[in-house]
Amino acid sequence: MIDFLIYLGIMACIWGILSLSLNLQFGLAGLVNLGHVAYFMVGAYASSILVMFSGFPFPLGMLGGALFAGLFGVVLALPTANLREDYWAISTLAFAEIARLIFLNEPIKGDYIGASYGIPGIPRPLEGLLSGQNFELAYLGIAACTLLLAYLLSEFIFKTPFGRVLKAVREGDEVPLALGKNVRWFRIRAMAVAGGLGGVAGALFAHYNAFVAPNYFLPLETFLVWAMIILGGAGNNRGALLGTVVIVALSNSTRFLDDILPLDASLLGPLRMILIGVLIICIILYLPKGLFPERRRLYGRDAA
């Protein structure tokens, strides 16, 4: 049970960083990204390649994953930044699938590394010094510290002039355009920053799992991140983290149901998604702003 709780904590930290990056896009800037898992994928692959084949240490590999994922966000936003919300959402989904299909069909080294075979044997930091539960605890510390830094960065962005402009963009283009703001440029910057955070999450996942493959990054993973944001409350970083904890716990705890309910193991996976879907429907019906709604800041002098 202790090993499972440590694993759950590591996954919650990794997915928490990914949910913060989506919250920055949607909760702050109002950008509906249906291909958010692409950042996760690009960061995982970039960090794995840099550490395995270029000899970079783990911190630089993680930084490289963030940079490549941020660059992917810029590439995604450049041709789509002026599109309407619905077309933007469809475009992000298409870009993510294009990226996944490229990784699915392109070998990285030799015939059996990359493409559909994935990348096995990804180095794990401190694995030569620690083993077993000690390594798991050390990695939990690394993931938790990274999550804390991502949270502080997100909170800082929310309070900066850049964040205030993104909030104005979220409500519509008219006000920021009237104030002389380049809406397209702000959207591109938002996608780059969110992509960098998503890339960090992907790098942490790859080096913990020691293996990545294209089928790890299906659109279903984007749905899970959206479930975290909807459940916790868009526009609130604490809400995003709360939603992450609930969804990660729910999606990993159904493995114990076979000891309680007379269910076949093949039914546990679909049951997990059914439970999450029912939970999201209830949240939308009864708490449409999530468990932790965004606290909107009011400007102006007191009437007294």
Protein backbone atom coordinates (compact mmCIF):
# COMPACT_ATOMS: atom_id res chain seq x y z
CA MET A 1 0.00 0.00 0.00
CA ILE A 2 2.87 2.40 0.78
CA ASP A 3 4.39 1.77 -2.65
CA PHE A 4 1.02 2.42 -4.25
CA LEU A 5 0.57 5.70 -2.36
CA ILE A 6 4.04 6.86 -3.42
CA TYR A 7 3.23 5.98 -7.03
CA LEU A 8 -0.07 7.83 -6.70
CA GLY A 9 1.75 10.89 -5.37
CA ILE A 10 4.22 10.89 -8.27
CA MET A 11 1.43 10.58 -10.83
CA ALA A 12 -0.55 13.34 -9.11
CA CYS A 13 2.48 15.66 -9.29
CA ILE A 14 3.11 14.91 -12.97
CA TRP A 15 -0.53 15.31 -13.98
CA GLY A 16 -0.81 18.35 -11.71
CA ILE A 17 1.85 20.14 -13.78
CA LEU A 18 -0.01 19.18 -16.95
CA SER A 19 -3.32 20.45 -15.56
CA LEU A 20 -1.68 23.75 -14.53
CA SER A 21 -0.49 24.18 -18.12
CA LEU A 22 -4.02 23.61 -19.47
CA ASN A 23 -5.43 25.95 -16.83
CA LEU A 24 -3.05 28.63 -18.06
CA GLN A 25 -4.39 28.21 -21.59
CA PHE A 26 -8.09 27.74 -20.93
CA GLY A 27 -8.66 29.12 -17.45
CA LEU A 28 -6.56 32.23 -18.01
CA ALA A 29 -6.57 32.84 -21.77
CA GLY A 30 -9.76 31.01 -22.81
CA LEU A 31 -7.94 28.86 -25.38
CA VAL A 32 -9.68 25.52 -25.91
CA ASN A 33 -6.89 23.02 -26.59
CA LEU A 34 -8.18 19.56 -27.48
CA GLY A 35 -4.67 18.34 -28.28
CA HIS A 36 -3.03 19.24 -25.00
CA VAL A 37 -1.45 15.81 -24.64
CA ALA A 38 0.88 16.73 -27.52
CA TYR A 39 2.92 18.91 -25.13
CA PHE A 40 3.19 15.93 -22.80
CA MET A 41 4.34 13.74 -25.67
CA VAL A 42 6.88 16.17 -27.14
CA GLY A 43 8.42 16.81 -23.74
CA ALA A 44 8.66 13.08 -23.01
CA TYR A 45 10.28 12.23 -26.33
CA ALA A 46 12.61 15.24 -26.41
CA SER A 47 13.95 14.65 -22.91
CA SER A 48 14.36 10.90 -23.53
CA ILE A 49 16.31 11.48 -26.75
CA LEU A 50 18.53 14.16 -25.23
CA VAL A 51 19.42 12.05 -22.19
CA MET A 52 19.72 8.64 -23.91
CA PHE A 53 21.41 9.51 -27.18
CA SER A 54 23.07 12.90 -26.56
CA GLY A 55 24.38 12.31 -23.05
CA PHE A 56 22.59 15.23 -21.41
CA PRO A 57 22.02 15.02 -17.65
CA PHE A 58 18.46 14.66 -16.44
CA PRO A 59 17.91 18.36 -15.49
CA LEU A 60 19.08 19.54 -18.92
CA GLY A 61 17.00 16.86 -20.60
CA MET A 62 13.93 18.08 -18.73
CA LEU A 63 14.74 21.67 -19.70
CA GLY A 64 15.15 20.54 -23.32
CA GLY A 65 11.76 18.82 -23.16
CA ALA A 66 10.22 22.07 -21.94
CA LEU A 67 11.86 24.09 -24.72
CA PHE A 68 10.83 21.71 -27.49
CA ALA A 69 7.26 21.50 -26.17
CA GLY A 70 7.11 25.30 -25.93
CA LEU A 71 8.37 25.55 -29.50
CA PHE A 72 5.68 23.08 -30.55
CA GLY A 73 3.13 25.38 -28.92
CA VAL A 74 4.42 28.28 -31.01
CA VAL A 75 4.31 26.21 -34.21
CA LEU A 76 0.76 25.16 -33.36
CA ALA A 77 -0.38 28.73 -32.63
CA LEU A 78 1.24 30.56 -35.55
CA PRO A 79 -1.23 29.45 -38.25
CA THR A 80 -4.25 29.24 -35.91
CA ALA A 81 -3.98 32.24 -33.57
CA ASN A 82 -6.62 34.24 -35.47
CA LEU A 83 -9.16 31.43 -35.69
CA ARG A 84 -12.46 31.40 -33.83
CA GLU A 85 -12.74 29.26 -30.71
CA ASP A 86 -14.37 26.21 -32.35
CA TYR A 87 -11.94 26.14 -35.29
CA TRP A 88 -9.05 26.65 -32.89
CA ALA A 89 -10.12 23.61 -30.86
CA ILE A 90 -10.38 21.39 -33.94
CA SER A 91 -6.98 22.58 -35.16
CA THR A 92 -5.26 21.73 -31.87
CA LEU A 93 -6.70 18.22 -31.97
CA ALA A 94 -5.48 17.78 -35.54
CA PHE A 95 -1.97 19.05 -34.69
CA ALA A 96 -1.72 16.65 -31.75
CA GLU A 97 -2.71 13.66 -33.89
CA ILE A 98 -0.25 14.68 -36.62
CA ALA A 99 2.55 14.81 -34.05
CA ARG A 100 1.55 11.43 -32.59
CA LEU A 101 1.43 9.80 -36.03
CA ILE A 102 4.89 11.16 -36.81
CA PHE A 103 6.29 9.57 -33.65
CA LEU A 104 4.35 6.38 -34.46
CA ASN A 105 5.94 5.98 -37.89
CA GLU A 106 9.44 7.47 -37.59
CA PRO A 107 12.22 5.35 -36.04
CA ILE A 108 14.65 7.19 -33.81
CA LYS A 109 17.66 4.87 -33.79
CA GLY A 110 17.88 1.60 -35.62
CA ASP A 111 14.83 -0.46 -36.47
CA TYR A 112 13.50 -1.15 -33.00
CA ILE A 113 13.81 2.15 -31.13
CA GLY A 114 11.13 4.66 -31.88
CA ALA A 115 8.12 4.34 -34.15
CA SER A 116 5.56 1.85 -32.80
CA TYR A 117 8.22 0.16 -30.63
CA GLY A 118 8.60 3.21 -28.43
CA ILE A 119 11.75 4.10 -26.50
CA PRO A 120 12.76 1.53 -23.86
CA GLY A 121 15.43 1.86 -21.20
CA ILE A 122 15.08 5.59 -20.58
CA PRO A 123 17.55 6.55 -17.79
CA ARG A 124 16.01 7.24 -14.40
CA PRO A 125 17.73 9.90 -12.25
CA LEU A 126 19.48 8.63 -9.09
CA GLU A 127 18.70 5.04 -10.05
CA GLY A 128 22.37 4.08 -9.71
CA LEU A 129 22.47 5.47 -6.18
CA LEU A 130 19.04 4.47 -4.92
CA SER A 131 16.79 1.50 -5.51
CA GLY A 132 13.37 0.25 -4.57
CA GLN A 133 11.30 2.41 -2.26
CA ASN A 134 14.17 4.84 -1.68
CA PHE A 135 14.23 5.69 -5.38
CA GLU A 136 10.45 6.09 -5.42
CA LEU A 137 10.60 8.50 -2.48
CA ALA A 138 13.43 10.47 -4.08
CA TYR A 139 11.51 10.77 -7.35
CA LEU A 140 8.41 11.83 -5.44
CA GLY A 141 10.51 14.63 -3.94
CA ILE A 142 11.73 15.69 -7.40
CA ALA A 143 8.20 15.64 -8.82
CA ALA A 144 6.76 17.52 -5.83
CA CYS A 145 9.43 20.25 -6.02
CA THR A 146 8.83 20.62 -9.75
CA LEU A 147 5.08 20.87 -9.15
CA LEU A 148 5.65 23.56 -6.53
CA LEU A 149 7.79 25.57 -8.96
CA ALA A 150 5.15 25.17 -11.69
CA TYR A 151 2.42 26.31 -9.29
CA LEU A 152 4.39 29.38 -8.17
CA LEU A 153 5.12 30.25 -11.81
CA SER A 154 1.44 29.91 -12.72
CA GLU A 155 0.37 32.08 -9.79
CA PHE A 156 2.96 34.68 -10.78
CA ILE A 157 1.74 34.72 -14.38
CA PHE A 158 -1.87 35.15 -13.25
CA LYS A 159 -0.91 38.35 -11.38
CA THR A 160 1.36 39.92 -14.00
CA PRO A 161 0.26 42.42 -16.69
CA PHE A 162 0.72 39.57 -19.17
CA GLY A 163 -1.80 37.50 -17.23
CA ARG A 164 -4.26 40.37 -17.02
CA VAL A 165 -4.14 40.82 -20.78
CA LEU A 166 -4.80 37.08 -21.22
CA LYS A 167 -7.84 37.40 -18.96
CA ALA A 168 -9.08 40.21 -21.20
CA VAL A 169 -8.48 38.03 -24.27
CA ARG A 170 -10.52 35.30 -22.60
CA GLU A 171 -13.55 37.59 -22.46
CA GLY A 172 -13.24 38.60 -26.13
CA ASP A 173 -10.88 40.36 -28.50
CA GLU A 174 -12.64 43.73 -28.49
CA VAL A 175 -11.28 45.17 -25.22
CA PRO A 176 -7.61 44.19 -25.66
CA LEU A 177 -7.70 45.36 -29.29
CA ALA A 178 -9.19 48.68 -28.18
CA LEU A 179 -6.32 49.02 -25.71
CA GLY A 180 -3.76 48.43 -28.46
CA LYS A 181 -2.82 44.87 -27.51
CA ASN A 182 -1.69 42.40 -30.14
CA VAL A 183 -4.12 39.56 -29.37
CA ARG A 184 -2.47 37.12 -31.74
CA TRP A 185 0.94 37.61 -30.16
CA PHE A 186 -0.44 37.11 -26.65
CA ARG A 187 -2.12 33.86 -27.69
CA ILE A 188 1.14 32.59 -29.15
CA ARG A 189 2.99 33.43 -25.94
CA ALA A 190 0.34 31.71 -23.84
CA MET A 191 0.66 28.54 -25.95
CA ALA A 192 4.46 28.64 -25.62
CA VAL A 193 4.43 28.99 -21.83
CA ALA A 194 1.75 26.32 -21.40
CA GLY A 195 3.66 24.06 -23.78
CA GLY A 196 6.80 24.43 -21.70
CA LEU A 197 4.98 23.37 -18.54
CA GLY A 198 3.40 20.43 -20.35
CA GLY A 199 6.85 19.42 -21.64
CA VAL A 200 8.22 19.35 -18.10
CA ALA A 201 5.40 17.00 -17.08
CA GLY A 202 6.16 14.76 -20.06
CA ALA A 203 9.87 14.62 -19.19
CA LEU A 204 9.09 13.63 -15.60
CA PHE A 205 6.74 10.92 -16.83
CA ALA A 206 9.24 9.49 -19.33
CA HIS A 207 12.12 9.26 -16.87
CA TYR A 208 9.94 7.73 -14.19
CA ASN A 209 8.26 5.19 -16.46
CA ALA A 210 11.55 4.42 -18.29
CA PHE A 211 9.52 3.77 -21.45
CA VAL A 212 7.36 5.85 -23.78
CA ALA A 213 5.37 4.92 -26.86
CA PRO A 214 2.89 6.80 -29.06
CA ASN A 215 -0.09 4.89 -27.66
CA TYR A 216 0.57 6.55 -24.28
CA PHE A 217 -0.53 9.89 -25.71
CA LEU A 218 -3.98 9.31 -27.16
CA PRO A 219 -6.77 11.93 -27.13
CA LEU A 220 -8.16 10.13 -24.08
CA GLU A 221 -5.29 11.61 -22.03
CA THR A 222 -6.39 15.10 -23.04
CA PHE A 223 -9.89 14.24 -21.85
CA LEU A 224 -8.49 13.33 -18.42
CA VAL A 225 -6.69 16.67 -18.12
CA TRP A 226 -9.89 18.49 -19.11
CA ALA A 227 -11.74 16.48 -16.48
CA MET A 228 -9.28 17.74 -13.87
CA ILE A 229 -9.84 21.37 -14.88
CA ILE A 230 -13.64 21.07 -15.07
CA LEU A 231 -13.80 19.32 -11.73
CA GLY A 232 -11.49 21.67 -9.85
CA GLY A 233 -12.54 24.92 -11.49
CA ALA A 234 -11.08 26.68 -14.53
CA GLY A 235 -9.08 29.80 -13.77
CA ASN A 236 -8.05 28.62 -10.30
CA ASN A 237 -4.69 26.87 -9.95
CA ARG A 238 -5.63 25.34 -6.61
CA GLY A 239 -8.80 24.00 -8.16
CA ALA A 240 -6.79 22.46 -11.00
CA LEU A 241 -4.59 20.66 -8.47
CA LEU A 242 -7.60 19.46 -6.47
CA GLY A 243 -9.19 18.12 -9.64
CA THR A 244 -5.92 16.36 -10.47
CA VAL A 245 -5.81 14.59 -7.12
CA VAL A 246 -9.42 13.40 -7.45
CA ILE A 247 -9.11 12.17 -11.05
CA VAL A 248 -5.72 10.49 -10.50
CA ALA A 249 -7.00 8.75 -7.38
CA LEU A 250 -10.19 7.67 -9.13
CA SER A 251 -8.45 6.41 -12.25
CA ASN A 252 -5.91 4.37 -10.29
CA SER A 253 -8.04 3.02 -7.45
CA THR A 254 -10.47 0.97 -9.55
CA ARG A 255 -7.82 -1.77 -9.70
CA PHE A 256 -8.90 -2.70 -6.16
CA LEU A 257 -12.55 -3.13 -7.05
CA ASP A 258 -12.05 -6.71 -8.23
CA ASP A 259 -11.52 -7.64 -4.57
CA ILE A 260 -14.88 -6.09 -3.64
CA LEU A 261 -17.14 -6.53 -6.65
CA PRO A 262 -17.49 -9.67 -8.81
CA LEU A 263 -16.16 -7.95 -11.94
CA ASP A 264 -13.95 -9.25 -14.69
CA ALA A 265 -10.60 -7.50 -14.99
CA SER A 266 -11.44 -6.43 -18.55
CA LEU A 267 -14.32 -4.33 -17.21
CA LEU A 268 -12.25 -2.25 -14.81
CA GLY A 269 -10.81 0.02 -17.50
CA PRO A 270 -14.19 0.97 -19.00
CA LEU A 271 -15.66 1.30 -15.50
CA ARG A 272 -12.96 3.82 -14.62
CA MET A 273 -13.92 6.06 -17.54
CA ILE A 274 -17.64 5.65 -16.80
CA LEU A 275 -17.10 6.83 -13.23
CA ILE A 276 -15.09 9.84 -14.38
CA GLY A 277 -17.72 10.67 -17.02
CA VAL A 278 -20.57 10.50 -14.50
CA LEU A 279 -18.60 12.68 -12.10
CA ILE A 280 -18.00 15.33 -14.78
CA ILE A 281 -21.70 15.32 -15.76
CA CYS A 282 -22.67 15.90 -12.11
CA ILE A 283 -20.15 18.72 -11.77
CA ILE A 284 -21.42 20.42 -14.93
CA LEU A 285 -25.04 20.14 -13.76
CA TYR A 286 -24.66 21.16 -10.13
CA LEU A 287 -21.28 22.98 -9.86
CA PRO A 288 -20.65 24.40 -13.35
CA LYS A 289 -17.74 26.52 -12.08
CA GLY A 290 -16.05 23.58 -10.38
CA LEU A 291 -15.24 22.81 -6.77
CA PHE A 292 -12.98 25.87 -6.50
CA PRO A 293 -14.43 28.62 -8.71
CA GLU A 294 -12.17 31.38 -9.88
CA ARG A 295 -12.08 34.34 -7.54
CA ARG A 296 -12.45 37.35 -9.79
CA ARG A 297 -10.63 40.43 -8.61
CA LEU A 298 -12.70 43.60 -8.40
CA TYR A 299 -11.16 46.98 -9.14
CA GLY A 300 -12.47 50.32 -7.94
CA ARG A 301 -12.73 52.44 -4.83
CA ASP A 302 -15.04 51.62 -1.97
CA ALA A 303 -18.29 53.58 -2.03
CA ALA A 304 -17.50 55.03 1.39
